[in-house]
Amino acid sequence: MVDYREIIRLKSTKPEMSNTMIASSVGSSRNTVSEVWKLVQEKGLSWPVPAALTNRDLEQILYPERTRREGRLMPDYEYVYNELAKPNVTLTLLWAEYCAKCEAAGAIPYQQWLPV
């Protein structure tokens, strides 16, 4: 995850540092540093960022469109267990239902795991 707090701190307190140097320091690309700093200025954030704001909170402030659709919907394992007790019900069928439910809710489904 991008360290938004550290990018804001370095850009605010060390103006002599280039985006490349900051990117190297936080483990991101220089383009990410540039984009984050541009969004910070647009949103009116400044250093020091309140301690109550985590990196996840900062991501939601800077990229509200990303955080809305990133959630994954957990399968209802009790439902799966009960349905598998019924005849002619397979995991493949239940997984397809789960994927359709995720699509309807705008969530990302967990993918089917296949052994190697």
PDB file of N, CA and C in Angstrom:
ATOM      1  N   MET A   1       0.845  -1.183   0.000  1.00  0.00           N
ATOM      2  CA  MET A   1       0.000   0.000   0.000  1.00  0.00           C
ATOM      3  C   MET A   1       0.888   1.242   0.000  1.00  0.00           C
ATOM      4  N   VAL A   2       0.419   2.247  -0.658  1.00  0.00           N
ATOM      5  CA  VAL A   2       1.140   3.511  -0.738  1.00  0.00           C
ATOM      6  C   VAL A   2       1.133   4.184   0.636  1.00  0.00           C
ATOM      7  N   ASP A   3       2.279   4.702   1.040  1.00  0.00           N
ATOM      8  CA  ASP A   3       2.393   5.390   2.336  1.00  0.00           C
ATOM      9  C   ASP A   3       2.082   6.873   2.119  1.00  0.00           C
ATOM     10  N   TYR A   4       0.794   7.193   2.083  1.00  0.00           N
ATOM     11  CA  TYR A   4       0.342   8.557   1.800  1.00  0.00           C
ATOM     12  C   TYR A   4       0.856   9.539   2.855  1.00  0.00           C
ATOM     13  N   ARG A   5       0.811   9.124   4.105  1.00  0.00           N
ATOM     14  CA  ARG A   5       1.251   9.988   5.199  1.00  0.00           C
ATOM     15  C   ARG A   5       2.722  10.401   5.023  1.00  0.00           C
ATOM     16  N   GLU A   6       3.559   9.447   4.656  1.00  0.00           N
ATOM     17  CA  GLU A   6       4.988   9.742   4.493  1.00  0.00           C
ATOM     18  C   GLU A   6       5.234  10.624   3.268  1.00  0.00           C
ATOM     19  N   ILE A   7       4.486  10.405   2.208  1.00  0.00           N
ATOM     20  CA  ILE A   7       4.622  11.262   1.023  1.00  0.00           C
ATOM     21  C   ILE A   7       4.261  12.694   1.380  1.00  0.00           C
ATOM     22  N   ILE A   8       3.157  12.877   2.101  1.00  0.00           N
ATOM     23  CA  ILE A   8       2.737  14.226   2.506  1.00  0.00           C
ATOM     24  C   ILE A   8       3.778  14.863   3.410  1.00  0.00           C
ATOM     25  N   ARG A   9       4.311  14.074   4.347  1.00  0.00           N
ATOM     26  CA  ARG A   9       5.318  14.607   5.272  1.00  0.00           C
ATOM     27  C   ARG A   9       6.575  15.052   4.529  1.00  0.00           C
ATOM     28  N   LEU A  10       7.078  14.195   3.652  1.00  0.00           N
ATOM     29  CA  LEU A  10       8.316  14.527   2.950  1.00  0.00           C
ATOM     30  C   LEU A  10       8.139  15.698   1.988  1.00  0.00           C
ATOM     31  N   LYS A  11       7.022  15.727   1.256  1.00  0.00           N
ATOM     32  CA  LYS A  11       6.803  16.840   0.323  1.00  0.00           C
ATOM     33  C   LYS A  11       6.605  18.156   1.072  1.00  0.00           C
ATOM     34  N   SER A  12       6.039  18.100   2.275  1.00  0.00           N
ATOM     35  CA  SER A  12       5.779  19.323   3.039  1.00  0.00           C
ATOM     36  C   SER A  12       7.002  19.821   3.787  1.00  0.00           C
ATOM     37  N   THR A  13       7.770  18.911   4.347  1.00  0.00           N
ATOM     38  CA  THR A  13       8.882  19.325   5.213  1.00  0.00           C
ATOM     39  C   THR A  13      10.232  19.349   4.516  1.00  0.00           C
ATOM     40  N   LYS A  14      10.358  18.674   3.391  1.00  0.00           N
ATOM     41  CA  LYS A  14      11.638  18.629   2.677  1.00  0.00           C
ATOM     42  C   LYS A  14      11.431  18.980   1.206  1.00  0.00           C
ATOM     43  N   PRO A  15      11.178  20.258   0.916  1.00  0.00           N
ATOM     44  CA  PRO A  15      10.902  20.647  -0.473  1.00  0.00           C
ATOM     45  C   PRO A  15      12.085  20.410  -1.416  1.00  0.00           C
ATOM     46  N   GLU A  16      13.283  20.238  -0.857  1.00  0.00           N
ATOM     47  CA  GLU A  16      14.445  20.001  -1.711  1.00  0.00           C
ATOM     48  C   GLU A  16      14.491  18.575  -2.265  1.00  0.00           C
ATOM     49  N   MET A  17      13.694  17.670  -1.698  1.00  0.00           N
ATOM     50  CA  MET A  17      13.674  16.280  -2.171  1.00  0.00           C
ATOM     51  C   MET A  17      12.846  16.190  -3.451  1.00  0.00           C
ATOM     52  N   SER A  18      13.396  15.517  -4.434  1.00  0.00           N
ATOM     53  CA  SER A  18      12.668  15.327  -5.697  1.00  0.00           C
ATOM     54  C   SER A  18      11.649  14.197  -5.541  1.00  0.00           C
ATOM     55  N   ASN A  19      10.733  14.124  -6.484  1.00  0.00           N
ATOM     56  CA  ASN A  19       9.752  13.039  -6.467  1.00  0.00           C
ATOM     57  C   ASN A  19      10.424  11.679  -6.557  1.00  0.00           C
ATOM     58  N   THR A  20      11.513  11.606  -7.301  1.00  0.00           N
ATOM     59  CA  THR A  20      12.260  10.355  -7.438  1.00  0.00           C
ATOM     60  C   THR A  20      12.866   9.940  -6.106  1.00  0.00           C
ATOM     61  N   MET A  21      13.420  10.887  -5.368  1.00  0.00           N
ATOM     62  CA  MET A  21      14.012  10.575  -4.069  1.00  0.00           C
ATOM     63  C   MET A  21      12.938  10.136  -3.076  1.00  0.00           C
ATOM     64  N   ILE A  22      11.804  10.812  -3.086  1.00  0.00           N
ATOM     65  CA  ILE A  22      10.711  10.446  -2.185  1.00  0.00           C
ATOM     66  C   ILE A  22      10.170   9.071  -2.573  1.00  0.00           C
ATOM     67  N   ALA A  23      10.025   8.837  -3.856  1.00  0.00           N
ATOM     68  CA  ALA A  23       9.533   7.543  -4.333  1.00  0.00           C
ATOM     69  C   ALA A  23      10.444   6.413  -3.875  1.00  0.00           C
ATOM     70  N   SER A  24      11.724   6.634  -3.969  1.00  0.00           N
ATOM     71  CA  SER A  24      12.687   5.635  -3.514  1.00  0.00           C
ATOM     72  C   SER A  24      12.564   5.407  -2.013  1.00  0.00           C
ATOM     73  N   SER A  25      12.322   6.464  -1.284  1.00  0.00           N
ATOM     74  CA  SER A  25      12.212   6.382   0.170  1.00  0.00           C
ATOM     75  C   SER A  25      10.966   5.616   0.618  1.00  0.00           C
ATOM     76  N   VAL A  26       9.840   5.808  -0.070  1.00  0.00           N
ATOM     77  CA  VAL A  26       8.584   5.184   0.357  1.00  0.00           C
ATOM     78  C   VAL A  26       8.249   3.910  -0.413  1.00  0.00           C
ATOM     79  N   GLY A  27       9.042   3.577  -1.434  1.00  0.00           N
ATOM     80  CA  GLY A  27       8.803   2.353  -2.192  1.00  0.00           C
ATOM     81  C   GLY A  27       7.677   2.465  -3.196  1.00  0.00           C
ATOM     82  N   SER A  28       7.493   3.641  -3.764  1.00  0.00           N
ATOM     83  CA  SER A  28       6.478   3.866  -4.797  1.00  0.00           C
ATOM     84  C   SER A  28       7.153   4.436  -6.031  1.00  0.00           C
ATOM     85  N   SER A  29       6.372   4.685  -7.073  1.00  0.00           N
ATOM     86  CA  SER A  29       6.928   5.300  -8.271  1.00  0.00           C
ATOM     87  C   SER A  29       6.882   6.822  -8.139  1.00  0.00           C
ATOM     88  N   ARG A  30       7.699   7.489  -8.932  1.00  0.00           N
ATOM     89  CA  ARG A  30       7.714   8.958  -8.891  1.00  0.00           C
ATOM     90  C   ARG A  30       6.390   9.519  -9.391  1.00  0.00           C
ATOM     91  N   ASN A  31       5.756   8.801 -10.319  1.00  0.00           N
ATOM     92  CA  ASN A  31       4.448   9.230 -10.818  1.00  0.00           C
ATOM     93  C   ASN A  31       3.389   9.145  -9.719  1.00  0.00           C
ATOM     94  N   THR A  32       3.480   8.128  -8.875  1.00  0.00           N
ATOM     95  CA  THR A  32       2.550   8.007  -7.755  1.00  0.00           C
ATOM     96  C   THR A  32       2.738   9.161  -6.795  1.00  0.00           C
ATOM     97  N   VAL A  33       3.993   9.495  -6.490  1.00  0.00           N
ATOM     98  CA  VAL A  33       4.283  10.613  -5.590  1.00  0.00           C
ATOM     99  C   VAL A  33       3.708  11.904  -6.167  1.00  0.00           C
ATOM    100  N   SER A  34       3.926  12.126  -7.449  1.00  0.00           N
ATOM    101  CA  SER A  34       3.421  13.326  -8.107  1.00  0.00           C
ATOM    102  C   SER A  34       1.899  13.386  -8.068  1.00  0.00           C
ATOM    103  N   GLU A  35       1.247  12.279  -8.371  1.00  0.00           N
ATOM    104  CA  GLU A  35      -0.213  12.229  -8.381  1.00  0.00           C
ATOM    105  C   GLU A  35      -0.787  12.451  -6.978  1.00  0.00           C
ATOM    106  N   VAL A  36      -0.184  11.788  -5.979  1.00  0.00           N
ATOM    107  CA  VAL A  36      -0.655  11.942  -4.596  1.00  0.00           C
ATOM    108  C   VAL A  36      -0.502  13.393  -4.156  1.00  0.00           C
ATOM    109  N   TRP A  37       0.636  14.009  -4.448  1.00  0.00           N
ATOM    110  CA  TRP A  37       0.858  15.387  -4.032  1.00  0.00           C
ATOM    111  C   TRP A  37      -0.135  16.335  -4.703  1.00  0.00           C
ATOM    112  N   LYS A  38      -0.424  16.092  -5.970  1.00  0.00           N
ATOM    113  CA  LYS A  38      -1.409  16.915  -6.681  1.00  0.00           C
ATOM    114  C   LYS A  38      -2.785  16.790  -6.017  1.00  0.00           C
ATOM    115  N   LEU A  39      -3.180  15.566  -5.676  1.00  0.00           N
ATOM    116  CA  LEU A  39      -4.475  15.347  -5.028  1.00  0.00           C
ATOM    117  C   LEU A  39      -4.515  15.946  -3.619  1.00  0.00           C
ATOM    118  N   VAL A  40      -3.399  15.876  -2.908  1.00  0.00           N
ATOM    119  CA  VAL A  40      -3.318  16.471  -1.566  1.00  0.00           C
ATOM    120  C   VAL A  40      -3.562  17.972  -1.654  1.00  0.00           C
ATOM    121  N   GLN A  41      -2.951  18.619  -2.635  1.00  0.00           N
ATOM    122  CA  GLN A  41      -3.137  20.055  -2.804  1.00  0.00           C
ATOM    123  C   GLN A  41      -4.574  20.381  -3.208  1.00  0.00           C
ATOM    124  N   GLU A  42      -5.169  19.568  -4.085  1.00  0.00           N
ATOM    125  CA  GLU A  42      -6.561  19.785  -4.501  1.00  0.00           C
ATOM    126  C   GLU A  42      -7.533  19.630  -3.336  1.00  0.00           C
ATOM    127  N   LYS A  43      -7.245  18.677  -2.445  1.00  0.00           N
ATOM    128  CA  LYS A  43      -8.139  18.399  -1.312  1.00  0.00           C
ATOM    129  C   LYS A  43      -7.869  19.319  -0.126  1.00  0.00           C
ATOM    130  N   GLY A  44      -6.810  20.115  -0.205  1.00  0.00           N
ATOM    131  CA  GLY A  44      -6.498  21.060   0.866  1.00  0.00           C
ATOM    132  C   GLY A  44      -5.884  20.425   2.111  1.00  0.00           C
ATOM    133  N   LEU A  45      -5.265  19.275   1.953  1.00  0.00           N
ATOM    134  CA  LEU A  45      -4.594  18.635   3.084  1.00  0.00           C
ATOM    135  C   LEU A  45      -3.222  19.255   3.287  1.00  0.00           C
ATOM    136  N   SER A  46      -2.755  19.232   4.514  1.00  0.00           N
ATOM    137  CA  SER A  46      -1.411  19.740   4.785  1.00  0.00           C
ATOM    138  C   SER A  46      -0.803  18.972   5.944  1.00  0.00           C
ATOM    139  N   TRP A  47       0.491  19.126   6.087  1.00  0.00           N
ATOM    140  CA  TRP A  47       1.209  18.488   7.187  1.00  0.00           C
ATOM    141  C   TRP A  47       1.183  19.407   8.385  1.00  0.00           C
ATOM    142  N   PRO A  48       0.953  18.934   9.571  1.00  0.00           N
ATOM    143  CA  PRO A  48       0.775  17.538   9.962  1.00  0.00           C
ATOM    144  C   PRO A  48      -0.646  17.049   9.715  1.00  0.00           C
ATOM    145  N   VAL A  49      -0.724  15.835   9.246  1.00  0.00           N
ATOM    146  CA  VAL A  49      -2.009  15.177   9.045  1.00  0.00           C
ATOM    147  C   VAL A  49      -2.463  14.688  10.421  1.00  0.00           C
ATOM    148  N   PRO A  50      -3.730  14.857  10.764  1.00  0.00           N
ATOM    149  CA  PRO A  50      -4.196  14.392  12.074  1.00  0.00           C
ATOM    150  C   PRO A  50      -3.830  12.927  12.321  1.00  0.00           C
ATOM    151  N   ALA A  51      -3.375  12.635  13.520  1.00  0.00           N
ATOM    152  CA  ALA A  51      -2.918  11.286  13.863  1.00  0.00           C
ATOM    153  C   ALA A  51      -4.043  10.258  13.717  1.00  0.00           C
ATOM    154  N   ALA A  52      -5.278  10.701  13.828  1.00  0.00           N
ATOM    155  CA  ALA A  52      -6.407   9.774  13.727  1.00  0.00           C
ATOM    156  C   ALA A  52      -6.600   9.250  12.307  1.00  0.00           C
ATOM    157  N   LEU A  53      -6.053   9.944  11.301  1.00  0.00           N
ATOM    158  CA  LEU A  53      -6.198   9.507   9.910  1.00  0.00           C
ATOM    159  C   LEU A  53      -5.148   8.455   9.577  1.00  0.00           C
ATOM    160  N   THR A  54      -5.601   7.263   9.233  1.00  0.00           N
ATOM    161  CA  THR A  54      -4.696   6.193   8.817  1.00  0.00           C
ATOM    162  C   THR A  54      -4.437   6.313   7.320  1.00  0.00           C
ATOM    163  N   ASN A  55      -3.543   5.481   6.812  1.00  0.00           N
ATOM    164  CA  ASN A  55      -3.293   5.465   5.371  1.00  0.00           C
ATOM    165  C   ASN A  55      -4.552   5.066   4.610  1.00  0.00           C
ATOM    166  N   ARG A  56      -5.348   4.160   5.166  1.00  0.00           N
ATOM    167  CA  ARG A  56      -6.606   3.750   4.530  1.00  0.00           C
ATOM    168  C   ARG A  56      -7.565   4.944   4.460  1.00  0.00           C
ATOM    169  N   ASP A  57      -7.624   5.740   5.546  1.00  0.00           N
ATOM    170  CA  ASP A  57      -8.479   6.936   5.549  1.00  0.00           C
ATOM    171  C   ASP A  57      -8.003   7.941   4.508  1.00  0.00           C
ATOM    172  N   LEU A  58      -6.691   8.128   4.425  1.00  0.00           N
ATOM    173  CA  LEU A  58      -6.147   9.060   3.437  1.00  0.00           C
ATOM    174  C   LEU A  58      -6.446   8.588   2.019  1.00  0.00           C
ATOM    175  N   GLU A  59      -6.382   7.284   1.795  1.00  0.00           N
ATOM    176  CA  GLU A  59      -6.709   6.748   0.475  1.00  0.00           C
ATOM    177  C   GLU A  59      -8.168   7.037   0.141  1.00  0.00           C
ATOM    178  N   GLN A  60      -9.061   6.899   1.107  1.00  0.00           N
ATOM    179  CA  GLN A  60     -10.475   7.172   0.871  1.00  0.00           C
ATOM    180  C   GLN A  60     -10.718   8.647   0.570  1.00  0.00           C
ATOM    181  N   ILE A  61      -9.937   9.518   1.188  1.00  0.00           N
ATOM    182  CA  ILE A  61     -10.069  10.955   0.930  1.00  0.00           C
ATOM    183  C   ILE A  61      -9.538  11.300  -0.464  1.00  0.00           C
ATOM    184  N   LEU A  62      -8.382  10.746  -0.803  1.00  0.00           N
ATOM    185  CA  LEU A  62      -7.734  11.081  -2.072  1.00  0.00           C
ATOM    186  C   LEU A  62      -8.366  10.363  -3.264  1.00  0.00           C
ATOM    187  N   TYR A  63      -8.791   9.135  -3.075  1.00  0.00           N
ATOM    188  CA  TYR A  63      -9.346   8.322  -4.156  1.00  0.00           C
ATOM    189  C   TYR A  63     -10.694   7.732  -3.738  1.00  0.00           C
ATOM    190  N   PRO A  64     -11.728   8.546  -3.617  1.00  0.00           N
ATOM    191  CA  PRO A  64     -13.018   7.997  -3.172  1.00  0.00           C
ATOM    192  C   PRO A  64     -13.605   6.976  -4.141  1.00  0.00           C
ATOM    193  N   GLU A  65     -13.314   7.117  -5.428  1.00  0.00           N
ATOM    194  CA  GLU A  65     -13.873   6.191  -6.407  1.00  0.00           C
ATOM    195  C   GLU A  65     -13.221   4.814  -6.325  1.00  0.00           C
ATOM    196  N   ARG A  66     -11.992   4.732  -5.890  1.00  0.00           N
ATOM    197  CA  ARG A  66     -11.305   3.445  -5.772  1.00  0.00           C
ATOM    198  C   ARG A  66     -11.820   2.639  -4.588  1.00  0.00           C
ATOM    199  N   THR A  67     -11.995   3.291  -3.486  1.00  0.00           N
ATOM    200  CA  THR A  67     -12.310   2.579  -2.257  1.00  0.00           C
ATOM    201  C   THR A  67     -13.734   2.056  -2.222  1.00  0.00           C
ATOM    202  N   ARG A  68     -14.627   2.620  -2.999  1.00  0.00           N
ATOM    203  CA  ARG A  68     -16.013   2.160  -2.987  1.00  0.00           C
ATOM    204  C   ARG A  68     -16.174   0.775  -3.587  1.00  0.00           C
ATOM    205  N   ARG A  69     -15.400   0.456  -4.602  1.00  0.00           N
ATOM    206  CA  ARG A  69     -15.595  -0.796  -5.321  1.00  0.00           C
ATOM    207  C   ARG A  69     -14.536  -1.835  -5.016  1.00  0.00           C
ATOM    208  N   GLU A  70     -13.677  -1.572  -4.048  1.00  0.00           N
ATOM    209  CA  GLU A  70     -12.612  -2.514  -3.766  1.00  0.00           C
ATOM    210  C   GLU A  70     -13.016  -3.647  -2.835  1.00  0.00           C
ATOM    211  N   GLY A  71     -14.173  -3.520  -2.193  1.00  0.00           N
ATOM    212  CA  GLY A  71     -14.562  -4.509  -1.212  1.00  0.00           C
ATOM    213  C   GLY A  71     -14.851  -5.866  -1.821  1.00  0.00           C
ATOM    214  N   ARG A  72     -14.507  -6.863  -1.089  1.00  0.00           N
ATOM    215  CA  ARG A  72     -14.808  -8.229  -1.499  1.00  0.00           C
ATOM    216  C   ARG A  72     -15.906  -8.752  -0.602  1.00  0.00           C
ATOM    217  N   LEU A  73     -16.786  -9.520  -1.185  1.00  0.00           N
ATOM    218  CA  LEU A  73     -17.902 -10.087  -0.458  1.00  0.00           C
ATOM    219  C   LEU A  73     -17.529 -11.497  -0.020  1.00  0.00           C
ATOM    220  N   MET A  74     -17.597 -11.741   1.273  1.00  0.00           N
ATOM    221  CA  MET A  74     -17.274 -13.059   1.798  1.00  0.00           C
ATOM    222  C   MET A  74     -18.402 -14.026   1.465  1.00  0.00           C
ATOM    223  N   PRO A  75     -18.051 -15.249   1.092  1.00  0.00           N
ATOM    224  CA  PRO A  75     -19.093 -16.251   0.866  1.00  0.00           C
ATOM    225  C   PRO A  75     -19.802 -16.579   2.183  1.00  0.00           C
ATOM    226  N   ASP A  76     -21.052 -16.943   2.092  1.00  0.00           N
ATOM    227  CA  ASP A  76     -21.818 -17.374   3.258  1.00  0.00           C
ATOM    228  C   ASP A  76     -21.563 -18.873   3.415  1.00  0.00           C
ATOM    229  N   TYR A  77     -20.593 -19.219   4.253  1.00  0.00           N
ATOM    230  CA  TYR A  77     -20.173 -20.613   4.371  1.00  0.00           C
ATOM    231  C   TYR A  77     -21.249 -21.508   4.981  1.00  0.00           C
ATOM    232  N   GLU A  78     -22.060 -20.963   5.860  1.00  0.00           N
ATOM    233  CA  GLU A  78     -23.148 -21.754   6.439  1.00  0.00           C
ATOM    234  C   GLU A  78     -24.148 -22.132   5.347  1.00  0.00           C
ATOM    235  N   TYR A  79     -24.461 -21.164   4.481  1.00  0.00           N
ATOM    236  CA  TYR A  79     -25.357 -21.428   3.361  1.00  0.00           C
ATOM    237  C   TYR A  79     -24.761 -22.500   2.446  1.00  0.00           C
ATOM    238  N   VAL A  80     -23.479 -22.385   2.132  1.00  0.00           N
ATOM    239  CA  VAL A  80     -22.806 -23.353   1.266  1.00  0.00           C
ATOM    240  C   VAL A  80     -22.872 -24.746   1.891  1.00  0.00           C
ATOM    241  N   TYR A  81     -22.585 -24.844   3.179  1.00  0.00           N
ATOM    242  CA  TYR A  81     -22.604 -26.122   3.882  1.00  0.00           C
ATOM    243  C   TYR A  81     -23.997 -26.759   3.810  1.00  0.00           C
ATOM    244  N   ASN A  82     -25.023 -25.946   4.067  1.00  0.00           N
ATOM    245  CA  ASN A  82     -26.394 -26.467   4.050  1.00  0.00           C
ATOM    246  C   ASN A  82     -26.836 -26.854   2.646  1.00  0.00           C
ATOM    247  N   GLU A  83     -26.446 -26.084   1.646  1.00  0.00           N
ATOM    248  CA  GLU A  83     -26.838 -26.377   0.264  1.00  0.00           C
ATOM    249  C   GLU A  83     -26.147 -27.633  -0.257  1.00  0.00           C
ATOM    250  N   LEU A  84     -24.906 -27.861   0.156  1.00  0.00           N
ATOM    251  CA  LEU A  84     -24.181 -29.038  -0.318  1.00  0.00           C
ATOM    252  C   LEU A  84     -24.797 -30.337   0.198  1.00  0.00           C
ATOM    253  N   ALA A  85     -25.586 -30.258   1.268  1.00  0.00           N
ATOM    254  CA  ALA A  85     -26.263 -31.442   1.796  1.00  0.00           C
ATOM    255  C   ALA A  85     -27.423 -31.862   0.904  1.00  0.00           C
ATOM    256  N   LYS A  86     -27.861 -30.985   0.025  1.00  0.00           N
ATOM    257  CA  LYS A  86     -28.982 -31.271  -0.869  1.00  0.00           C
ATOM    258  C   LYS A  86     -28.488 -32.024  -2.099  1.00  0.00           C
ATOM    259  N   PRO A  87     -29.331 -32.865  -2.676  1.00  0.00           N
ATOM    260  CA  PRO A  87     -28.913 -33.597  -3.876  1.00  0.00           C
ATOM    261  C   PRO A  87     -28.772 -32.662  -5.081  1.00  0.00           C
ATOM    262  N   ASN A  88     -27.848 -32.998  -5.958  1.00  0.00           N
ATOM    263  CA  ASN A  88     -27.595 -32.293  -7.220  1.00  0.00           C
ATOM    264  C   ASN A  88     -27.077 -30.863  -7.045  1.00  0.00           C
ATOM    265  N   VAL A  89     -26.561 -30.519  -5.882  1.00  0.00           N
ATOM    266  CA  VAL A  89     -25.957 -29.200  -5.667  1.00  0.00           C
ATOM    267  C   VAL A  89     -24.446 -29.400  -5.622  1.00  0.00           C
ATOM    268  N   THR A  90     -23.739 -28.620  -6.442  1.00  0.00           N
ATOM    269  CA  THR A  90     -22.283 -28.740  -6.501  1.00  0.00           C
ATOM    270  C   THR A  90     -21.630 -27.428  -6.075  1.00  0.00           C
ATOM    271  N   LEU A  91     -20.351 -27.515  -5.749  1.00  0.00           N
ATOM    272  CA  LEU A  91     -19.608 -26.306  -5.417  1.00  0.00           C
ATOM    273  C   LEU A  91     -19.542 -25.359  -6.602  1.00  0.00           C
ATOM    274  N   THR A  92     -19.461 -25.900  -7.796  1.00  0.00           N
ATOM    275  CA  THR A  92     -19.415 -25.056  -8.990  1.00  0.00           C
ATOM    276  C   THR A  92     -20.700 -24.245  -9.128  1.00  0.00           C
ATOM    277  N   LEU A  93     -21.821 -24.861  -8.888  1.00  0.00           N
ATOM    278  CA  LEU A  93     -23.101 -24.171  -8.953  1.00  0.00           C
ATOM    279  C   LEU A  93     -23.169 -23.077  -7.875  1.00  0.00           C
ATOM    280  N   LEU A  94     -22.763 -23.408  -6.665  1.00  0.00           N
ATOM    281  CA  LEU A  94     -22.803 -22.429  -5.572  1.00  0.00           C
ATOM    282  C   LEU A  94     -21.830 -21.282  -5.823  1.00  0.00           C
ATOM    283  N   TRP A  95     -20.685 -21.599  -6.418  1.00  0.00           N
ATOM    284  CA  TRP A  95     -19.713 -20.552  -6.713  1.00  0.00           C
ATOM    285  C   TRP A  95     -20.263 -19.607  -7.781  1.00  0.00           C
ATOM    286  N   ALA A  96     -20.954 -20.148  -8.780  1.00  0.00           N
ATOM    287  CA  ALA A  96     -21.565 -19.306  -9.814  1.00  0.00           C
ATOM    288  C   ALA A  96     -22.629 -18.396  -9.203  1.00  0.00           C
ATOM    289  N   GLU A  97     -23.418 -18.915  -8.272  1.00  0.00           N
ATOM    290  CA  GLU A  97     -24.410 -18.086  -7.576  1.00  0.00           C
ATOM    291  C   GLU A  97     -23.739 -16.981  -6.773  1.00  0.00           C
ATOM    292  N   TYR A  98     -22.638 -17.345  -6.120  1.00  0.00           N
ATOM    293  CA  TYR A  98     -21.878 -16.373  -5.327  1.00  0.00           C
ATOM    294  C   TYR A  98     -21.332 -15.255  -6.220  1.00  0.00           C
ATOM    295  N   CYS A  99     -20.796 -15.611  -7.376  1.00  0.00           N
ATOM    296  CA  CYS A  99     -20.270 -14.605  -8.311  1.00  0.00           C
ATOM    297  C   CYS A  99     -21.379 -13.678  -8.800  1.00  0.00           C
ATOM    298  N   ALA A 100     -22.551 -14.233  -9.077  1.00  0.00           N
ATOM    299  CA  ALA A 100     -23.680 -13.409  -9.512  1.00  0.00           C
ATOM    300  C   ALA A 100     -24.123 -12.476  -8.393  1.00  0.00           C
ATOM    301  N   LYS A 101     -24.116 -12.956  -7.168  1.00  0.00           N
ATOM    302  CA  LYS A 101     -24.481 -12.128  -6.017  1.00  0.00           C
ATOM    303  C   LYS A 101     -23.477 -10.980  -5.847  1.00  0.00           C
ATOM    304  N   CYS A 102     -22.207 -11.273  -6.027  1.00  0.00           N
ATOM    305  CA  CYS A 102     -21.172 -10.239  -5.926  1.00  0.00           C
ATOM    306  C   CYS A 102     -21.349  -9.181  -7.010  1.00  0.00           C
ATOM    307  N   GLU A 103     -21.624  -9.622  -8.220  1.00  0.00           N
ATOM    308  CA  GLU A 103     -21.813  -8.686  -9.331  1.00  0.00           C
ATOM    309  C   GLU A 103     -22.997  -7.767  -9.064  1.00  0.00           C
ATOM    310  N   ALA A 104     -24.076  -8.334  -8.535  1.00  0.00           N
ATOM    311  CA  ALA A 104     -25.265  -7.540  -8.232  1.00  0.00           C
ATOM    312  C   ALA A 104     -24.999  -6.513  -7.134  1.00  0.00           C
ATOM    313  N   ALA A 105     -24.110  -6.869  -6.196  1.00  0.00           N
ATOM    314  CA  ALA A 105     -23.794  -5.970  -5.083  1.00  0.00           C
ATOM    315  C   ALA A 105     -22.657  -5.008  -5.425  1.00  0.00           C
ATOM    316  N   GLY A 106     -22.037  -5.176  -6.586  1.00  0.00           N
ATOM    317  CA  GLY A 106     -20.919  -4.317  -6.971  1.00  0.00           C
ATOM    318  C   GLY A 106     -19.656  -4.648  -6.218  1.00  0.00           C
ATOM    319  N   ALA A 107     -19.532  -5.881  -5.751  1.00  0.00           N
ATOM    320  CA  ALA A 107     -18.355  -6.320  -4.999  1.00  0.00           C
ATOM    321  C   ALA A 107     -17.509  -7.238  -5.870  1.00  0.00           C
ATOM    322  N   ILE A 108     -16.300  -7.487  -5.407  1.00  0.00           N
ATOM    323  CA  ILE A 108     -15.375  -8.361  -6.120  1.00  0.00           C
ATOM    324  C   ILE A 108     -15.445  -9.744  -5.485  1.00  0.00           C
ATOM    325  N   PRO A 109     -15.702 -10.797  -6.271  1.00  0.00           N
ATOM    326  CA  PRO A 109     -15.753 -12.138  -5.680  1.00  0.00           C
ATOM    327  C   PRO A 109     -14.348 -12.703  -5.470  1.00  0.00           C
ATOM    328  N   TYR A 110     -14.215 -13.534  -4.454  1.00  0.00           N
ATOM    329  CA  TYR A 110     -12.995 -14.290  -4.299  1.00  0.00           C
ATOM    330  C   TYR A 110     -12.987 -15.340  -5.406  1.00  0.00           C
ATOM    331  N   GLN A 111     -11.825 -15.637  -5.936  1.00  0.00           N
ATOM    332  CA  GLN A 111     -11.748 -16.545  -7.077  1.00  0.00           C
ATOM    333  C   GLN A 111     -11.657 -17.993  -6.627  1.00  0.00           C
ATOM    334  N   GLN A 112     -12.084 -18.857  -7.503  1.00  0.00           N
ATOM    335  CA  GLN A 112     -12.056 -20.293  -7.238  1.00  0.00           C
ATOM    336  C   GLN A 112     -10.603 -20.751  -7.230  1.00  0.00           C
ATOM    337  N   TRP A 113     -10.257 -21.553  -6.261  1.00  0.00           N
ATOM    338  CA  TRP A 113      -8.910 -22.071  -6.140  1.00  0.00           C
ATOM    339  C   TRP A 113      -8.867 -23.472  -6.715  1.00  0.00           C
ATOM    340  N   LEU A 114      -7.933 -23.701  -7.609  1.00  0.00           N
ATOM    341  CA  LEU A 114      -7.775 -25.024  -8.206  1.00  0.00           C
ATOM    342  C   LEU A 114      -6.415 -25.572  -7.833  1.00  0.00           C
ATOM    343  N   PRO A 115      -6.345 -26.791  -7.290  1.00  0.00           N
ATOM    344  CA  PRO A 115      -5.050 -27.359  -6.923  1.00  0.00           C
ATOM    345  C   PRO A 115      -4.204 -27.626  -8.158  1.00  0.00           C
ATOM    346  N   VAL A 116      -2.909 -27.530  -7.982  1.00  0.00           N
ATOM    347  CA  VAL A 116      -1.976 -27.743  -9.100  1.00  0.00           C
ATOM    348  C   VAL A 116      -1.681 -29.200  -9.270  1.00  0.00           C
TER     349      VAL A 116
END
